[in-house]
Amino acid sequence: MGVIRKGQETPLHPPYPRGDRTLRQANQKPHVEYWHELLAYIDSAYVQKLGSHYPWNNLARKNLWNMARVHSAWGVMALWELYLEGNSAWARRTAWSVYGMIRDAGRLMDDLRFKHLAAKHEESLARQRFGRFAKASDVLSRFTGTSFEVMLPNPNEFRDSSKWIEEAGCDGADRTKTGLIDGGLL
């Protein structure tokens, strides 16, 4: 048994009789996609609004990190854009800070423009990183190794999937080729 001297912290696990010689891995840090892009966007939007760079501190970064873990980077970008556009008393009082945006997040998410702005930011981030926004056929072709076109029916034209199967010219055995499995869309 190991001896713990005065002033030392206790170990997280009891000491092993022959010593602990294995390497221990720390838990992986939770990942936020587009983290640097989010920080750059917030700073540039702040510069456009107020003419100076955002006064960053660790608390503001940690608050943004936690918001981005929950709402994704593009959702936080949309919140920030709506927050800077708005002229609420809380925004003026907190000098358009990250803390003020978090405080107003409930009101901002109720804004009708929020989902549209979030989708716009998601698409621009994907274009920036990958050159274009991914389509469903891109994802499917990565798994199958072949390229094919995903055919989706016009909902106003075909109400019944059996008519769509007949229009595509396949029987029940070919349904997976047209994007149908068991009579339903993928």
N, C-alpha and C. Protein backbone atom coordinates (compact mmCIF):
# COMPACT_ATOMS: atom_id res chain seq x y z
N MET A 1 0.84 -1.17 0.00
CA MET A 1 0.00 0.00 0.00
C MET A 1 0.89 1.23 0.00
N GLY A 2 0.53 2.22 -0.77
CA GLY A 2 1.32 3.45 -0.87
C GLY A 2 1.04 4.39 0.28
N VAL A 3 1.99 5.23 0.53
CA VAL A 3 1.86 6.21 1.60
C VAL A 3 1.61 7.57 0.98
N ILE A 4 0.63 8.28 1.51
CA ILE A 4 0.35 9.63 1.03
C ILE A 4 0.87 10.59 2.07
N ARG A 5 1.81 11.43 1.67
CA ARG A 5 2.43 12.36 2.60
C ARG A 5 1.53 13.55 2.86
N LYS A 6 1.83 14.24 3.92
CA LYS A 6 1.08 15.42 4.28
C LYS A 6 1.22 16.47 3.18
N GLY A 7 0.14 17.13 2.82
CA GLY A 7 0.18 18.17 1.80
C GLY A 7 0.01 17.65 0.39
N GLN A 8 0.03 16.32 0.19
CA GLN A 8 -0.17 15.76 -1.14
C GLN A 8 -1.64 15.46 -1.36
N GLU A 9 -2.06 15.54 -2.61
CA GLU A 9 -3.44 15.18 -2.94
C GLU A 9 -3.56 13.68 -3.01
N THR A 10 -4.72 13.19 -2.66
CA THR A 10 -4.95 11.74 -2.76
C THR A 10 -5.08 11.37 -4.22
N PRO A 11 -4.62 10.16 -4.59
CA PRO A 11 -4.74 9.74 -5.99
C PRO A 11 -6.19 9.44 -6.33
N LEU A 12 -6.48 9.42 -7.63
CA LEU A 12 -7.84 9.14 -8.08
C LEU A 12 -8.19 7.66 -7.93
N HIS A 13 -7.21 6.82 -7.80
CA HIS A 13 -7.43 5.39 -7.65
C HIS A 13 -6.47 4.87 -6.58
N PRO A 14 -6.79 3.77 -5.93
CA PRO A 14 -5.86 3.26 -4.93
C PRO A 14 -4.59 2.74 -5.61
N PRO A 15 -3.45 2.91 -4.97
CA PRO A 15 -2.20 2.44 -5.58
C PRO A 15 -2.20 0.92 -5.75
N TYR A 16 -1.58 0.47 -6.85
CA TYR A 16 -1.48 -0.96 -7.10
C TYR A 16 -0.27 -1.51 -6.36
N PRO A 17 -0.29 -2.79 -5.94
CA PRO A 17 0.83 -3.34 -5.19
C PRO A 17 2.14 -3.33 -5.99
N ARG A 18 2.08 -3.59 -7.30
CA ARG A 18 3.30 -3.61 -8.10
C ARG A 18 3.56 -2.30 -8.82
N GLY A 19 2.82 -1.29 -8.52
CA GLY A 19 3.01 -0.01 -9.19
C GLY A 19 2.12 0.11 -10.41
N ASP A 20 1.82 1.29 -10.77
CA ASP A 20 0.95 1.55 -11.92
C ASP A 20 1.83 1.98 -13.07
N ARG A 21 2.09 1.07 -13.99
CA ARG A 21 3.01 1.38 -15.09
C ARG A 21 2.27 1.62 -16.42
N THR A 22 0.95 1.51 -16.42
CA THR A 22 0.22 1.71 -17.68
C THR A 22 0.02 3.20 -17.93
N LEU A 23 0.00 3.56 -19.19
CA LEU A 23 -0.27 4.95 -19.57
C LEU A 23 -1.77 5.19 -19.47
N ARG A 24 -2.12 6.30 -18.93
CA ARG A 24 -3.54 6.64 -18.78
C ARG A 24 -3.89 7.74 -19.77
N GLN A 25 -5.02 7.57 -20.41
CA GLN A 25 -5.51 8.56 -21.37
C GLN A 25 -6.54 9.44 -20.69
N ALA A 26 -6.43 10.72 -20.91
CA ALA A 26 -7.44 11.64 -20.38
C ALA A 26 -8.71 11.52 -21.20
N ASN A 27 -9.82 11.84 -20.59
CA ASN A 27 -11.07 11.86 -21.34
C ASN A 27 -10.97 12.88 -22.45
N GLN A 28 -11.54 12.51 -23.59
CA GLN A 28 -11.48 13.42 -24.73
C GLN A 28 -12.32 14.66 -24.48
N LYS A 29 -11.79 15.80 -24.89
CA LYS A 29 -12.50 17.06 -24.73
C LYS A 29 -13.70 17.07 -25.68
N PRO A 30 -14.86 17.51 -25.21
CA PRO A 30 -16.01 17.56 -26.12
C PRO A 30 -15.70 18.47 -27.31
N HIS A 31 -16.16 18.05 -28.47
CA HIS A 31 -15.80 18.72 -29.71
C HIS A 31 -16.87 19.73 -30.13
N VAL A 32 -16.44 20.89 -30.57
CA VAL A 32 -17.34 21.87 -31.17
C VAL A 32 -16.85 22.09 -32.60
N GLU A 33 -17.70 21.73 -33.54
CA GLU A 33 -17.33 21.89 -34.95
C GLU A 33 -17.37 23.37 -35.33
N TYR A 34 -16.42 23.79 -36.13
CA TYR A 34 -16.31 25.17 -36.62
C TYR A 34 -16.06 26.17 -35.48
N TRP A 35 -15.30 25.78 -34.47
CA TRP A 35 -15.05 26.63 -33.32
C TRP A 35 -14.32 27.91 -33.71
N HIS A 36 -13.23 27.79 -34.47
CA HIS A 36 -12.45 28.97 -34.85
C HIS A 36 -13.23 29.89 -35.77
N GLU A 37 -14.04 29.28 -36.65
CA GLU A 37 -14.88 30.08 -37.54
C GLU A 37 -15.92 30.85 -36.73
N LEU A 38 -16.45 30.23 -35.68
CA LEU A 38 -17.42 30.90 -34.82
C LEU A 38 -16.80 32.10 -34.13
N LEU A 39 -15.61 31.93 -33.57
CA LEU A 39 -14.94 33.06 -32.90
C LEU A 39 -14.64 34.19 -33.89
N ALA A 40 -14.18 33.81 -35.09
CA ALA A 40 -13.87 34.83 -36.11
C ALA A 40 -15.13 35.57 -36.53
N TYR A 41 -16.24 34.85 -36.68
CA TYR A 41 -17.50 35.49 -37.08
C TYR A 41 -17.98 36.47 -36.01
N ILE A 42 -17.93 36.06 -34.76
CA ILE A 42 -18.39 36.93 -33.68
C ILE A 42 -17.54 38.19 -33.62
N ASP A 43 -16.23 38.02 -33.76
CA ASP A 43 -15.36 39.19 -33.72
C ASP A 43 -15.60 40.11 -34.91
N SER A 44 -15.74 39.56 -36.11
CA SER A 44 -15.93 40.41 -37.29
C SER A 44 -17.29 41.12 -37.25
N ALA A 45 -18.33 40.43 -36.79
CA ALA A 45 -19.64 41.08 -36.69
C ALA A 45 -19.61 42.19 -35.63
N TYR A 46 -18.88 41.95 -34.56
CA TYR A 46 -18.74 42.96 -33.51
C TYR A 46 -17.99 44.18 -34.04
N VAL A 47 -16.95 43.95 -34.86
CA VAL A 47 -16.20 45.05 -35.47
C VAL A 47 -17.11 45.86 -36.37
N GLN A 48 -17.95 45.18 -37.17
CA GLN A 48 -18.86 45.89 -38.06
C GLN A 48 -19.87 46.73 -37.28
N LYS A 49 -20.33 46.22 -36.17
CA LYS A 49 -21.34 46.93 -35.38
C LYS A 49 -20.74 48.07 -34.57
N LEU A 50 -19.62 47.81 -33.88
CA LEU A 50 -19.11 48.78 -32.92
C LEU A 50 -17.74 49.38 -33.28
N GLY A 51 -17.10 48.87 -34.32
CA GLY A 51 -15.84 49.47 -34.77
C GLY A 51 -14.60 49.05 -34.01
N SER A 52 -14.70 48.10 -33.08
CA SER A 52 -13.51 47.59 -32.38
C SER A 52 -13.67 46.09 -32.20
N HIS A 53 -12.56 45.40 -31.90
CA HIS A 53 -12.60 43.96 -31.73
C HIS A 53 -13.30 43.59 -30.42
N TYR A 54 -13.86 42.39 -30.40
CA TYR A 54 -14.58 41.94 -29.21
C TYR A 54 -13.58 41.79 -28.06
N PRO A 55 -13.92 42.26 -26.86
CA PRO A 55 -13.01 42.12 -25.71
C PRO A 55 -13.10 40.71 -25.12
N TRP A 56 -12.35 39.76 -25.71
CA TRP A 56 -12.42 38.36 -25.32
C TRP A 56 -11.88 38.14 -23.91
N ASN A 57 -12.51 37.22 -23.22
CA ASN A 57 -11.96 36.68 -21.98
C ASN A 57 -12.35 35.20 -21.91
N ASN A 58 -11.80 34.48 -20.95
CA ASN A 58 -12.05 33.04 -20.89
C ASN A 58 -13.51 32.71 -20.60
N LEU A 59 -14.17 33.54 -19.83
CA LEU A 59 -15.57 33.29 -19.52
C LEU A 59 -16.44 33.41 -20.77
N ALA A 60 -16.17 34.41 -21.60
CA ALA A 60 -16.93 34.57 -22.85
C ALA A 60 -16.70 33.37 -23.76
N ARG A 61 -15.44 32.91 -23.86
CA ARG A 61 -15.14 31.75 -24.70
C ARG A 61 -15.84 30.50 -24.17
N LYS A 62 -15.80 30.31 -22.87
CA LYS A 62 -16.42 29.12 -22.27
C LYS A 62 -17.94 29.17 -22.46
N ASN A 63 -18.55 30.33 -22.31
CA ASN A 63 -19.99 30.46 -22.54
C ASN A 63 -20.34 30.13 -23.99
N LEU A 64 -19.53 30.64 -24.93
CA LEU A 64 -19.77 30.33 -26.34
C LEU A 64 -19.58 28.85 -26.62
N TRP A 65 -18.55 28.26 -26.01
CA TRP A 65 -18.28 26.83 -26.19
C TRP A 65 -19.50 26.01 -25.77
N ASN A 66 -20.04 26.34 -24.60
CA ASN A 66 -21.21 25.60 -24.11
C ASN A 66 -22.44 25.84 -24.98
N MET A 67 -22.62 27.07 -25.45
CA MET A 67 -23.75 27.36 -26.36
C MET A 67 -23.59 26.57 -27.66
N ALA A 68 -22.36 26.52 -28.21
CA ALA A 68 -22.13 25.83 -29.48
C ALA A 68 -22.28 24.32 -29.32
N ARG A 69 -21.98 23.78 -28.15
CA ARG A 69 -22.20 22.35 -27.91
C ARG A 69 -23.68 22.02 -27.97
N VAL A 70 -24.51 22.93 -27.53
CA VAL A 70 -25.96 22.69 -27.50
C VAL A 70 -26.61 23.07 -28.83
N HIS A 71 -26.28 24.24 -29.37
CA HIS A 71 -26.99 24.78 -30.52
C HIS A 71 -26.20 24.74 -31.82
N SER A 72 -24.99 24.19 -31.84
CA SER A 72 -24.09 24.15 -32.98
C SER A 72 -23.55 25.55 -33.30
N ALA A 73 -22.44 25.58 -33.99
CA ALA A 73 -21.78 26.86 -34.28
C ALA A 73 -22.67 27.75 -35.14
N TRP A 74 -23.35 27.18 -36.12
CA TRP A 74 -24.19 28.01 -37.00
C TRP A 74 -25.42 28.53 -36.26
N GLY A 75 -25.91 27.80 -35.30
CA GLY A 75 -27.01 28.31 -34.48
C GLY A 75 -26.58 29.49 -33.63
N VAL A 76 -25.37 29.42 -33.07
CA VAL A 76 -24.84 30.53 -32.27
C VAL A 76 -24.57 31.74 -33.17
N MET A 77 -24.09 31.48 -34.40
CA MET A 77 -23.88 32.58 -35.34
C MET A 77 -25.20 33.29 -35.65
N ALA A 78 -26.25 32.51 -35.84
CA ALA A 78 -27.57 33.11 -36.10
C ALA A 78 -28.06 33.89 -34.89
N LEU A 79 -27.86 33.35 -33.70
CA LEU A 79 -28.24 34.09 -32.48
C LEU A 79 -27.47 35.40 -32.37
N TRP A 80 -26.17 35.35 -32.66
CA TRP A 80 -25.34 36.55 -32.57
C TRP A 80 -25.79 37.60 -33.57
N GLU A 81 -26.12 37.15 -34.79
CA GLU A 81 -26.58 38.09 -35.82
C GLU A 81 -27.89 38.76 -35.40
N LEU A 82 -28.82 37.97 -34.89
CA LEU A 82 -30.09 38.54 -34.43
C LEU A 82 -29.88 39.45 -33.22
N TYR A 83 -28.97 39.07 -32.35
CA TYR A 83 -28.68 39.87 -31.15
C TYR A 83 -28.11 41.23 -31.53
N LEU A 84 -27.19 41.25 -32.49
CA LEU A 84 -26.60 42.53 -32.90
C LEU A 84 -27.59 43.39 -33.67
N GLU A 85 -28.48 42.77 -34.44
CA GLU A 85 -29.49 43.54 -35.17
C GLU A 85 -30.50 44.17 -34.22
N GLY A 86 -30.84 43.44 -33.18
CA GLY A 86 -31.82 43.94 -32.21
C GLY A 86 -31.21 45.08 -31.40
N ASN A 87 -32.06 45.86 -30.86
CA ASN A 87 -31.59 47.00 -30.08
C ASN A 87 -32.27 46.96 -28.72
N SER A 88 -32.20 45.78 -28.08
CA SER A 88 -32.89 45.62 -26.80
C SER A 88 -32.16 46.39 -25.70
N ALA A 89 -32.89 46.67 -24.66
CA ALA A 89 -32.29 47.38 -23.52
C ALA A 89 -31.17 46.54 -22.90
N TRP A 90 -31.37 45.22 -22.86
CA TRP A 90 -30.33 44.36 -22.29
C TRP A 90 -29.06 44.38 -23.14
N ALA A 91 -29.21 44.42 -24.46
CA ALA A 91 -28.04 44.47 -25.35
C ALA A 91 -27.27 45.78 -25.13
N ARG A 92 -27.99 46.87 -25.04
CA ARG A 92 -27.31 48.15 -24.80
C ARG A 92 -26.65 48.18 -23.42
N ARG A 93 -27.34 47.61 -22.44
CA ARG A 93 -26.83 47.63 -21.07
C ARG A 93 -25.56 46.78 -20.92
N THR A 94 -25.48 45.65 -21.65
CA THR A 94 -24.30 44.78 -21.56
C THR A 94 -23.30 45.06 -22.67
N ALA A 95 -23.50 46.12 -23.43
CA ALA A 95 -22.60 46.53 -24.52
C ALA A 95 -22.42 45.41 -25.55
N TRP A 96 -23.50 44.78 -25.93
CA TRP A 96 -23.51 43.73 -26.94
C TRP A 96 -22.48 42.65 -26.62
N SER A 97 -22.57 42.08 -25.44
CA SER A 97 -21.63 41.05 -25.01
C SER A 97 -22.22 39.66 -25.24
N VAL A 98 -21.35 38.64 -25.16
CA VAL A 98 -21.78 37.25 -25.28
C VAL A 98 -22.75 36.93 -24.15
N TYR A 99 -22.46 37.45 -22.97
CA TYR A 99 -23.36 37.24 -21.83
C TYR A 99 -24.76 37.78 -22.13
N GLY A 100 -24.84 38.94 -22.74
CA GLY A 100 -26.13 39.51 -23.10
C GLY A 100 -26.85 38.66 -24.13
N MET A 101 -26.10 38.09 -25.09
CA MET A 101 -26.72 37.23 -26.10
C MET A 101 -27.30 35.98 -25.43
N ILE A 102 -26.56 35.41 -24.48
CA ILE A 102 -27.05 34.22 -23.79
C ILE A 102 -28.30 34.57 -23.00
N ARG A 103 -28.30 35.72 -22.39
CA ARG A 103 -29.46 36.17 -21.60
C ARG A 103 -30.69 36.37 -22.49
N ASP A 104 -30.47 36.83 -23.73
CA ASP A 104 -31.56 37.05 -24.68
C ASP A 104 -31.84 35.85 -25.58
N ALA A 105 -31.14 34.74 -25.39
CA ALA A 105 -31.24 33.60 -26.31
C ALA A 105 -32.68 33.09 -26.45
N GLY A 106 -33.42 33.03 -25.37
CA GLY A 106 -34.81 32.55 -25.45
C GLY A 106 -35.65 33.41 -26.36
N ARG A 107 -35.52 34.72 -26.22
CA ARG A 107 -36.27 35.65 -27.08
C ARG A 107 -35.80 35.55 -28.52
N LEU A 108 -34.48 35.41 -28.72
CA LEU A 108 -33.93 35.36 -30.07
C LEU A 108 -34.32 34.08 -30.80
N MET A 109 -34.42 32.97 -30.08
CA MET A 109 -34.80 31.71 -30.73
C MET A 109 -36.26 31.71 -31.15
N ASP A 110 -37.06 32.55 -30.54
CA ASP A 110 -38.46 32.66 -30.94
C ASP A 110 -38.64 33.52 -32.19
N ASP A 111 -37.58 34.20 -32.60
CA ASP A 111 -37.63 35.04 -33.79
C ASP A 111 -37.83 34.15 -35.02
N LEU A 112 -38.69 34.55 -35.92
CA LEU A 112 -38.98 33.75 -37.11
C LEU A 112 -37.78 33.62 -38.04
N ARG A 113 -36.85 34.55 -37.97
CA ARG A 113 -35.68 34.51 -38.86
C ARG A 113 -34.59 33.58 -38.37
N PHE A 114 -34.69 33.07 -37.15
CA PHE A 114 -33.61 32.29 -36.54
C PHE A 114 -33.26 31.05 -37.36
N LYS A 115 -34.25 30.22 -37.71
CA LYS A 115 -33.98 28.98 -38.44
C LYS A 115 -33.40 29.27 -39.82
N HIS A 116 -33.92 30.29 -40.48
CA HIS A 116 -33.40 30.65 -41.80
C HIS A 116 -31.94 31.09 -41.71
N LEU A 117 -31.64 31.93 -40.73
CA LEU A 117 -30.25 32.39 -40.56
C LEU A 117 -29.32 31.24 -40.19
N ALA A 118 -29.79 30.34 -39.34
CA ALA A 118 -28.96 29.19 -38.95
C ALA A 118 -28.66 28.32 -40.16
N ALA A 119 -29.65 28.08 -41.02
CA ALA A 119 -29.43 27.29 -42.24
C ALA A 119 -28.46 28.00 -43.18
N LYS A 120 -28.58 29.32 -43.27
CA LYS A 120 -27.67 30.09 -44.12
C LYS A 120 -26.23 29.97 -43.62
N HIS A 121 -26.04 30.07 -42.32
CA HIS A 121 -24.69 29.96 -41.75
C HIS A 121 -24.15 28.54 -41.88
N GLU A 122 -25.00 27.54 -41.71
CA GLU A 122 -24.56 26.16 -41.87
C GLU A 122 -24.07 25.91 -43.29
N GLU A 123 -24.82 26.42 -44.26
CA GLU A 123 -24.43 26.23 -45.65
C GLU A 123 -23.13 26.97 -45.96
N SER A 124 -22.97 28.19 -45.46
CA SER A 124 -21.75 28.93 -45.74
C SER A 124 -20.53 28.28 -45.09
N LEU A 125 -20.70 27.71 -43.90
CA LEU A 125 -19.59 27.00 -43.26
C LEU A 125 -19.21 25.75 -44.03
N ALA A 126 -20.22 25.02 -44.53
CA ALA A 126 -19.94 23.82 -45.32
C ALA A 126 -19.25 24.18 -46.63
N ARG A 127 -19.69 25.25 -47.25
CA ARG A 127 -19.04 25.69 -48.49
C ARG A 127 -17.59 26.11 -48.23
N GLN A 128 -17.37 26.76 -47.13
CA GLN A 128 -16.03 27.22 -46.77
C GLN A 128 -15.10 26.03 -46.53
N ARG A 129 -15.59 25.01 -45.85
CA ARG A 129 -14.74 23.87 -45.52
C ARG A 129 -14.64 22.85 -46.64
N PHE A 130 -15.76 22.54 -47.30
CA PHE A 130 -15.78 21.45 -48.27
C PHE A 130 -15.94 21.93 -49.71
N GLY A 131 -16.12 23.20 -49.93
CA GLY A 131 -16.27 23.70 -51.28
C GLY A 131 -17.71 23.77 -51.75
N ARG A 132 -18.60 23.03 -51.10
CA ARG A 132 -20.02 23.07 -51.44
C ARG A 132 -20.81 22.41 -50.33
N PHE A 133 -22.11 22.61 -50.36
CA PHE A 133 -23.01 22.03 -49.38
C PHE A 133 -23.34 20.61 -49.82
N ALA A 134 -23.26 19.65 -48.93
CA ALA A 134 -23.49 18.25 -49.28
C ALA A 134 -24.97 17.99 -49.56
N LYS A 135 -25.20 17.14 -50.55
CA LYS A 135 -26.56 16.70 -50.86
C LYS A 135 -26.70 15.25 -50.39
N ALA A 136 -27.91 14.75 -50.36
CA ALA A 136 -28.15 13.37 -49.91
C ALA A 136 -27.42 12.36 -50.78
N SER A 137 -27.37 12.62 -52.09
CA SER A 137 -26.69 11.68 -52.99
C SER A 137 -25.19 11.63 -52.72
N ASP A 138 -24.60 12.73 -52.27
CA ASP A 138 -23.18 12.74 -51.92
C ASP A 138 -22.90 11.81 -50.74
N VAL A 139 -23.75 11.87 -49.76
CA VAL A 139 -23.57 11.04 -48.57
C VAL A 139 -23.76 9.57 -48.92
N LEU A 140 -24.80 9.26 -49.69
CA LEU A 140 -25.06 7.87 -50.06
C LEU A 140 -23.96 7.31 -50.94
N SER A 141 -23.41 8.12 -51.84
CA SER A 141 -22.36 7.63 -52.72
C SER A 141 -21.07 7.35 -51.96
N ARG A 142 -20.83 8.02 -50.86
CA ARG A 142 -19.64 7.74 -50.04
C ARG A 142 -19.72 6.34 -49.44
N PHE A 143 -20.93 5.90 -49.06
CA PHE A 143 -21.08 4.60 -48.44
C PHE A 143 -21.07 3.47 -49.47
N THR A 144 -21.65 3.70 -50.64
CA THR A 144 -21.76 2.64 -51.63
C THR A 144 -20.58 2.61 -52.58
N GLY A 145 -19.86 3.71 -52.72
CA GLY A 145 -18.73 3.76 -53.63
C GLY A 145 -19.13 4.02 -55.08
N THR A 146 -20.41 4.13 -55.35
CA THR A 146 -20.89 4.41 -56.70
C THR A 146 -21.70 5.69 -56.68
N SER A 147 -21.78 6.33 -57.82
CA SER A 147 -22.59 7.54 -57.87
C SER A 147 -23.94 7.20 -58.49
N PHE A 148 -24.97 7.72 -57.92
CA PHE A 148 -26.31 7.52 -58.44
C PHE A 148 -27.14 8.73 -58.08
N GLU A 149 -28.29 8.82 -58.70
CA GLU A 149 -29.18 9.95 -58.48
C GLU A 149 -30.33 9.51 -57.58
N VAL A 150 -30.59 10.29 -56.57
CA VAL A 150 -31.72 10.01 -55.69
C VAL A 150 -32.95 10.64 -56.30
N MET A 151 -33.97 9.82 -56.55
CA MET A 151 -35.19 10.31 -57.18
C MET A 151 -36.24 10.50 -56.09
N LEU A 152 -36.73 11.71 -55.96
CA LEU A 152 -37.80 11.99 -55.01
C LEU A 152 -39.03 12.43 -55.77
N PRO A 153 -40.19 11.91 -55.40
CA PRO A 153 -41.40 12.26 -56.13
C PRO A 153 -41.91 13.64 -55.74
N ASN A 154 -42.66 14.23 -56.65
CA ASN A 154 -43.35 15.47 -56.35
C ASN A 154 -44.58 15.08 -55.52
N PRO A 155 -44.69 15.56 -54.30
CA PRO A 155 -45.82 15.12 -53.45
C PRO A 155 -47.18 15.48 -54.01
N ASN A 156 -47.28 16.50 -54.84
CA ASN A 156 -48.56 16.87 -55.43
C ASN A 156 -48.93 15.98 -56.60
N GLU A 157 -47.90 15.38 -57.23
CA GLU A 157 -48.14 14.58 -58.42
C GLU A 157 -48.50 13.13 -58.07
N PHE A 158 -47.80 12.54 -57.10
CA PHE A 158 -48.02 11.15 -56.74
C PHE A 158 -48.43 11.07 -55.28
N ARG A 159 -49.62 10.61 -55.03
CA ARG A 159 -50.08 10.43 -53.65
C ARG A 159 -49.76 9.02 -53.16
N ASP A 160 -49.68 8.07 -54.09
CA ASP A 160 -49.48 6.67 -53.73
C ASP A 160 -48.10 6.24 -54.24
N SER A 161 -47.31 5.59 -53.38
CA SER A 161 -45.95 5.20 -53.79
C SER A 161 -45.98 4.11 -54.86
N SER A 162 -47.05 3.31 -54.96
CA SER A 162 -47.11 2.26 -55.98
C SER A 162 -47.16 2.88 -57.38
N LYS A 163 -47.84 4.02 -57.53
CA LYS A 163 -47.84 4.71 -58.83
C LYS A 163 -46.44 5.19 -59.19
N TRP A 164 -45.70 5.63 -58.18
CA TRP A 164 -44.34 6.11 -58.43
C TRP A 164 -43.43 4.96 -58.84
N ILE A 165 -43.65 3.77 -58.23
CA ILE A 165 -42.86 2.60 -58.59
C ILE A 165 -43.14 2.22 -60.03
N GLU A 166 -44.41 2.24 -60.43
CA GLU A 166 -44.76 1.92 -61.81
C GLU A 166 -44.17 2.94 -62.77
N GLU A 167 -44.21 4.22 -62.40
CA GLU A 167 -43.66 5.28 -63.24
C GLU A 167 -42.15 5.10 -63.41
N ALA A 168 -41.48 4.66 -62.36
CA ALA A 168 -40.03 4.46 -62.43
C ALA A 168 -39.69 3.21 -63.23
N GLY A 169 -40.67 2.33 -63.43
CA GLY A 169 -40.45 1.16 -64.27
C GLY A 169 -39.73 0.04 -63.55
N CYS A 170 -40.09 -0.22 -62.33
CA CYS A 170 -39.45 -1.32 -61.63
C CYS A 170 -40.49 -2.10 -60.84
N ASP A 171 -40.14 -3.35 -60.54
CA ASP A 171 -41.04 -4.14 -59.72
C ASP A 171 -40.60 -4.09 -58.27
N GLY A 172 -41.19 -4.89 -57.41
CA GLY A 172 -40.88 -4.86 -55.99
C GLY A 172 -39.43 -5.20 -55.68
N ALA A 173 -38.77 -6.00 -56.51
CA ALA A 173 -37.38 -6.40 -56.25
C ALA A 173 -36.41 -5.25 -56.50
N ASP A 174 -36.79 -4.28 -57.34
CA ASP A 174 -35.90 -3.17 -57.69
C ASP A 174 -36.11 -1.93 -56.83
N ARG A 175 -36.88 -2.01 -55.79
CA ARG A 175 -37.24 -0.82 -55.04
C ARG A 175 -36.03 -0.09 -54.46
N THR A 176 -35.01 -0.82 -54.06
CA THR A 176 -33.85 -0.16 -53.45
C THR A 176 -33.10 0.68 -54.47
N LYS A 177 -33.20 0.35 -55.76
CA LYS A 177 -32.49 1.13 -56.78
C LYS A 177 -33.14 2.50 -56.99
N THR A 178 -34.43 2.59 -56.77
CA THR A 178 -35.12 3.87 -56.99
C THR A 178 -35.22 4.71 -55.75
N GLY A 179 -34.76 4.18 -54.63
CA GLY A 179 -34.82 4.97 -53.41
C GLY A 179 -35.98 4.58 -52.53
N LEU A 180 -36.70 3.51 -52.89
CA LEU A 180 -37.82 3.06 -52.08
C LEU A 180 -37.44 1.77 -51.37
N ILE A 181 -37.80 1.66 -50.12
CA ILE A 181 -37.64 0.42 -49.38
C ILE A 181 -38.97 0.14 -48.72
N ASP A 182 -39.52 -1.00 -48.99
CA ASP A 182 -40.82 -1.41 -48.44
C ASP A 182 -41.91 -0.38 -48.71
N GLY A 183 -41.91 0.21 -49.88
CA GLY A 183 -42.98 1.11 -50.26
C GLY A 183 -42.86 2.52 -49.69
N GLY A 184 -41.83 2.82 -48.89
CA GLY A 184 -41.67 4.15 -48.31
C GLY A 184 -40.39 4.80 -48.79
N LEU A 185 -40.31 6.08 -48.70
CA LEU A 185 -39.09 6.77 -49.11
C LEU A 185 -37.98 6.48 -48.13
N LEU A 186 -36.73 6.57 -48.60
CA LEU A 186 -35.57 6.39 -47.72
C LEU A 186 -35.58 7.37 -46.59
